[in-house]
Amino acid sequence: MKQAPPYVPGHQLLAGKSVLVTAAAGAGIGYAAARRCAEEGCRALMISDVHPRRLEQAVEQLKADTGLQAVYGQLCDVTDEDQVQALVAAAEQALGGVDVLINNAGLGGQKRVTEMSDEEWQRVIDVTLTGTFRMTRAMLPAMQQRGAGAIVNNASVLGWRAQKEQAHYAAAKAGVMALTRCSALEAAEHGVRINAVSPSIALHAFLQKSASEELLAQLAGREAFGRAAQVWEVANVMVFLASDYASYMVGEVLSVSSQQA
């Protein structure tokens, strides 16, 4: 099956809930997740990004695409603790409390270990792993005080399997998996659930610009369906984990791929 299935309509999985999604401007998994949350009936939505113009466009596009008018945008660089705290405070106020946090911010790249600088290594770790940690740390106190909430992290199959020129990204995503499992046990004591998705290759405009057609075709060919995922197929699993249907799932990392190792 090399053709993507029809787009799945909403089923009100997030009816009445409020959602915060990081790095959601543009055409990637973050925007797809934000759109799916709106289509699944969330009452209010905030998205963040580091690109002001793209963020503004994404907010307006979400309103137009979904009909949800309670959509807000907030600039945030997840490597900056002050901006992270400001984002969570703004979301708590604008949304009347955050029920769901989707940690989507991440940074990749291609570089062999012997050619990688400390700065290149640290930048990927800081955005992808430490950024997820900062957002989780900032969001948990309010959720724990309310005794409810769900956090969904975006990991990667590279946290499980090896690929050349991906040591920094794979290490960061493996860290996200470990962070998910450990923080979930702490959060569960207060009624908050933390889980993660682990996609392999999901096609979007930025990926197509940053990777060669040959590499993308090679990676897609490894998949059981012989194709890359659509970003909304990954977002569907995020929505499931955020919903009450996943009420007994704690510290899980769900592979949205046939490639686990």
Protein backbone atom coordinates (compact mmCIF):
# COMPACT_ATOMS: atom_id res chain seq x y z
CA MET A 1 0.00 0.00 0.00
CA LYS A 2 1.94 3.00 -1.27
CA GLN A 3 -0.96 5.43 -1.33
CA ALA A 4 -1.90 7.27 1.86
CA PRO A 5 -5.38 6.49 3.20
CA PRO A 6 -8.13 9.13 3.15
CA TYR A 7 -7.86 11.88 5.74
CA VAL A 8 -9.64 10.81 8.92
CA PRO A 9 -12.44 13.11 10.10
CA GLY A 10 -12.57 14.26 13.71
CA HIS A 11 -14.35 12.21 16.36
CA GLN A 12 -14.40 14.72 19.25
CA LEU A 13 -11.58 12.93 21.07
CA LEU A 14 -10.49 16.20 22.69
CA ALA A 15 -13.89 17.78 23.22
CA GLY A 16 -13.73 20.46 25.89
CA LYS A 17 -9.94 20.30 26.31
CA SER A 18 -7.35 23.03 25.80
CA VAL A 19 -4.09 22.33 23.97
CA LEU A 20 -0.61 23.86 23.74
CA VAL A 21 1.67 22.74 20.87
CA THR A 22 5.30 23.84 20.49
CA ALA A 23 7.00 24.42 17.12
CA ALA A 24 3.67 24.28 15.30
CA ALA A 25 4.12 26.86 12.54
CA GLY A 26 4.86 25.59 9.04
CA ALA A 27 3.92 22.32 7.38
CA GLY A 28 5.36 19.72 9.73
CA ILE A 29 4.07 17.42 12.45
CA GLY A 30 3.49 20.32 14.84
CA TYR A 31 1.02 22.11 12.61
CA ALA A 32 -0.67 18.83 11.73
CA ALA A 33 -1.04 18.07 15.45
CA ALA A 34 -2.50 21.50 16.16
CA ARG A 35 -4.98 21.13 13.30
CA ARG A 36 -6.00 17.64 14.41
CA CYS A 37 -6.57 18.87 17.97
CA ALA A 38 -8.91 21.55 16.68
CA GLU A 39 -10.69 19.04 14.45
CA GLU A 40 -11.05 16.74 17.44
CA GLY A 41 -13.04 19.36 19.30
CA CYS A 42 -10.57 21.11 21.59
CA ARG A 43 -12.11 24.28 23.04
CA ALA A 44 -8.97 26.42 22.76
CA LEU A 45 -5.52 26.10 21.24
CA MET A 46 -2.17 27.86 21.54
CA ILE A 47 0.79 27.23 19.27
CA SER A 48 4.36 28.46 19.60
CA ASP A 49 7.26 28.88 17.21
CA VAL A 50 10.47 30.88 16.80
CA HIS A 51 9.43 32.47 13.47
CA PRO A 52 7.10 35.47 14.02
CA ARG A 53 5.65 35.76 10.52
CA ARG A 54 5.21 32.00 10.10
CA LEU A 55 3.56 31.79 13.52
CA GLU A 56 1.06 34.52 12.68
CA GLN A 57 0.23 32.82 9.38
CA ALA A 58 -0.22 29.46 11.11
CA VAL A 59 -2.68 30.92 13.63
CA GLU A 60 -4.80 32.43 10.87
CA GLN A 61 -4.59 29.26 8.78
CA LEU A 62 -5.73 27.11 11.71
CA LYS A 63 -8.75 29.36 12.23
CA ALA A 64 -9.60 29.15 8.53
CA ASP A 65 -9.01 25.41 8.23
CA THR A 66 -10.87 24.30 11.34
CA GLY A 67 -13.35 27.03 12.21
CA LEU A 68 -11.95 27.24 15.76
CA GLN A 69 -11.51 30.91 16.62
CA ALA A 70 -9.91 30.41 20.05
CA VAL A 71 -6.45 29.93 18.51
CA TYR A 72 -3.50 31.87 19.92
CA GLY A 73 0.16 32.20 19.03
CA GLN A 74 3.17 32.87 21.23
CA LEU A 75 6.80 33.22 20.20
CA CYS A 76 9.06 30.82 22.08
CA ASP A 77 12.59 29.50 21.76
CA VAL A 78 12.64 26.36 23.90
CA THR A 79 16.36 26.84 24.59
CA ASP A 80 15.51 29.98 26.59
CA GLU A 81 14.08 29.30 30.04
CA ASP A 82 12.51 32.75 30.35
CA GLN A 83 10.64 32.27 27.05
CA VAL A 84 9.51 28.81 28.12
CA GLN A 85 8.11 30.15 31.38
CA ALA A 86 6.43 33.01 29.52
CA LEU A 87 4.84 30.58 27.06
CA VAL A 88 3.37 28.39 29.78
CA ALA A 89 2.10 31.43 31.70
CA ALA A 90 0.50 32.87 28.56
CA ALA A 91 -1.11 29.55 27.69
CA GLU A 92 -2.44 29.04 31.20
CA GLN A 93 -4.06 32.47 31.08
CA ALA A 94 -5.34 32.44 27.48
CA LEU A 95 -6.64 28.88 27.58
CA GLY A 96 -8.00 28.93 31.10
CA GLY A 97 -5.53 26.21 32.04
CA VAL A 98 -3.69 23.78 29.74
CA ASP A 99 -5.13 20.28 29.55
CA VAL A 100 -2.75 18.95 26.87
CA LEU A 101 0.86 19.84 26.05
CA ILE A 102 2.41 18.50 22.86
CA ASN A 103 6.20 18.86 22.90
CA ASN A 104 7.06 18.95 19.23
CA ALA A 105 10.12 21.25 19.10
CA GLY A 106 13.19 19.51 17.72
CA LEU A 107 16.21 20.11 15.54
CA GLY A 108 18.02 17.69 13.24
CA GLY A 109 20.87 17.74 10.76
CA GLN A 110 23.33 15.47 9.02
CA LYS A 111 26.96 15.26 10.15
CA ARG A 112 29.46 12.51 10.80
CA VAL A 113 30.75 12.28 14.36
CA THR A 114 34.33 13.04 13.32
CA GLU A 115 33.18 16.24 11.60
CA MET A 116 30.71 17.43 14.24
CA SER A 117 31.60 20.44 16.38
CA ASP A 118 30.65 20.83 20.03
CA GLU A 119 28.31 23.63 18.99
CA GLU A 120 26.48 21.46 16.43
CA TRP A 121 26.10 18.64 18.95
CA GLN A 122 24.94 20.93 21.73
CA ARG A 123 22.45 22.83 19.59
CA VAL A 124 20.56 19.65 18.63
CA ILE A 125 20.60 18.37 22.22
CA ASP A 126 19.50 21.74 23.61
CA VAL A 127 16.49 22.15 21.31
CA THR A 128 15.38 18.53 21.03
CA LEU A 129 16.05 17.05 24.46
CA THR A 130 16.60 19.90 26.91
CA GLY A 131 13.81 21.91 25.28
CA THR A 132 11.40 19.06 25.93
CA PHE A 133 12.65 18.89 29.50
CA ARG A 134 12.22 22.64 30.01
CA MET A 135 8.65 22.60 28.70
CA THR A 136 7.74 19.57 30.82
CA ARG A 137 9.27 21.12 33.94
CA ALA A 138 7.42 24.39 33.36
CA MET A 139 4.05 22.76 32.63
CA LEU A 140 3.88 20.05 35.28
CA PRO A 141 3.29 22.20 38.40
CA ALA A 142 -0.01 23.60 37.07
CA MET A 143 -1.18 20.23 35.75
CA GLN A 144 -0.21 18.46 38.95
CA GLN A 145 -2.01 21.03 41.07
CA ARG A 146 -5.17 20.37 39.06
CA GLY A 147 -4.62 16.60 39.28
CA ALA A 148 -5.08 16.13 35.55
CA GLY A 149 -3.41 16.68 32.21
CA ALA A 150 -1.57 14.94 29.40
CA ILE A 151 1.83 15.58 27.85
CA VAL A 152 2.78 14.03 24.53
CA ASN A 153 6.42 14.15 23.42
CA ASN A 154 7.71 13.74 19.87
CA ALA A 155 10.55 11.19 19.82
CA SER A 156 11.87 9.27 16.79
CA VAL A 157 12.66 5.73 15.70
CA LEU A 158 16.29 6.92 15.68
CA GLY A 159 16.09 6.68 19.46
CA TRP A 160 15.99 2.91 18.84
CA ARG A 161 17.90 2.26 15.63
CA ALA A 162 21.13 3.47 14.07
CA GLN A 163 21.63 5.72 11.06
CA LYS A 164 24.82 7.34 9.79
CA GLU A 165 25.27 11.07 10.33
CA GLN A 166 22.51 11.16 12.96
CA ALA A 167 24.43 10.64 16.22
CA HIS A 168 23.37 13.98 17.74
CA TYR A 169 19.72 13.68 16.73
CA ALA A 170 19.48 10.00 17.70
CA ALA A 171 21.07 10.69 21.09
CA ALA A 172 18.63 13.53 21.68
CA LYS A 173 15.59 11.45 20.73
CA ALA A 174 16.74 8.50 22.84
CA GLY A 175 16.97 11.02 25.65
CA VAL A 176 13.40 12.16 24.98
CA MET A 177 12.28 8.52 25.31
CA ALA A 178 14.06 8.14 28.65
CA LEU A 179 12.78 11.51 29.85
CA THR A 180 9.25 10.44 28.91
CA ARG A 181 9.46 7.19 30.88
CA CYS A 182 11.02 8.68 34.02
CA SER A 183 9.00 11.89 34.20
CA ALA A 184 5.81 9.89 33.56
CA LEU A 185 6.27 7.92 36.78
CA GLU A 186 6.62 11.15 38.75
CA ALA A 187 3.68 12.83 37.04
CA ALA A 188 1.40 9.81 37.44
CA GLU A 189 1.47 10.33 41.21
CA HIS A 190 -0.49 13.53 40.55
CA GLY A 191 -2.89 12.24 37.89
CA VAL A 192 -0.91 13.55 34.91
CA ARG A 193 -0.01 11.28 31.96
CA ILE A 194 3.18 11.59 29.88
CA ASN A 195 3.72 9.51 26.75
CA ALA A 196 5.48 9.87 23.41
CA VAL A 197 5.20 9.04 19.74
CA SER A 198 8.14 7.72 17.74
CA PRO A 199 7.78 8.48 14.01
CA SER A 200 10.26 7.45 11.36
CA ILE A 201 9.80 9.37 8.12
CA ALA A 202 6.88 11.77 7.76
CA LEU A 203 6.86 13.83 4.59
CA HIS A 204 6.57 17.62 4.80
CA ALA A 205 8.03 20.58 2.93
CA PHE A 206 10.94 21.27 5.29
CA LEU A 207 12.12 17.65 5.22
CA GLN A 208 11.94 17.58 1.44
CA LYS A 209 14.15 20.68 1.31
CA SER A 210 16.70 19.40 3.83
CA ALA A 211 17.15 15.81 2.59
CA SER A 212 17.86 14.38 -0.83
CA GLU A 213 15.16 12.60 -2.83
CA GLU A 214 17.39 9.52 -2.88
CA LEU A 215 17.64 9.36 0.93
CA LEU A 216 13.91 9.97 1.39
CA ALA A 217 13.08 7.23 -1.08
CA GLN A 218 15.50 4.85 0.66
CA LEU A 219 13.97 5.53 4.08
CA ALA A 220 10.42 5.26 2.78
CA GLY A 221 11.28 1.94 1.16
CA ARG A 222 12.08 0.45 4.57
CA GLU A 223 8.55 1.01 5.80
CA ALA A 224 5.95 -1.75 5.80
CA PHE A 225 3.64 0.25 3.52
CA GLY A 226 6.48 1.23 1.21
CA ARG A 227 5.82 4.91 1.77
CA ALA A 228 6.51 7.71 4.22
CA ALA A 229 3.85 8.67 6.73
CA GLN A 230 1.67 11.71 6.20
CA VAL A 231 2.22 14.20 9.02
CA TRP A 232 -1.44 13.87 10.02
CA GLU A 233 -0.98 10.12 10.54
CA VAL A 234 1.58 10.91 13.24
CA ALA A 235 -0.69 13.62 14.64
CA ASN A 236 -3.54 11.09 14.93
CA VAL A 237 -1.49 9.03 17.38
CA MET A 238 -0.56 12.17 19.34
CA VAL A 239 -4.26 12.98 19.65
CA PHE A 240 -5.01 9.46 20.84
CA LEU A 241 -2.34 9.72 23.56
CA ALA A 242 -3.69 13.10 24.59
CA SER A 243 -7.26 11.81 24.78
CA ASP A 244 -9.10 9.97 27.53
CA TYR A 245 -8.91 6.81 25.41
CA ALA A 246 -5.28 6.54 26.61
CA SER A 247 -6.20 7.01 30.27
CA TYR A 248 -4.16 4.02 31.48
CA MET A 249 -1.06 4.66 29.36
CA VAL A 250 1.94 5.97 31.28
CA GLY A 251 5.51 6.43 30.00
CA GLU A 252 4.82 4.67 26.71
CA VAL A 253 6.66 5.38 23.45
CA LEU A 254 4.43 4.40 20.53
CA SER A 255 6.13 3.70 17.22
CA VAL A 256 4.34 5.33 14.29
CA SER A 257 6.36 3.21 11.91
CA SER A 258 7.30 -0.38 11.18
CA GLN A 259 10.96 0.44 11.93
CA GLN A 260 11.68 -0.08 15.60
CA ALA A 261 15.26 -1.31 15.46
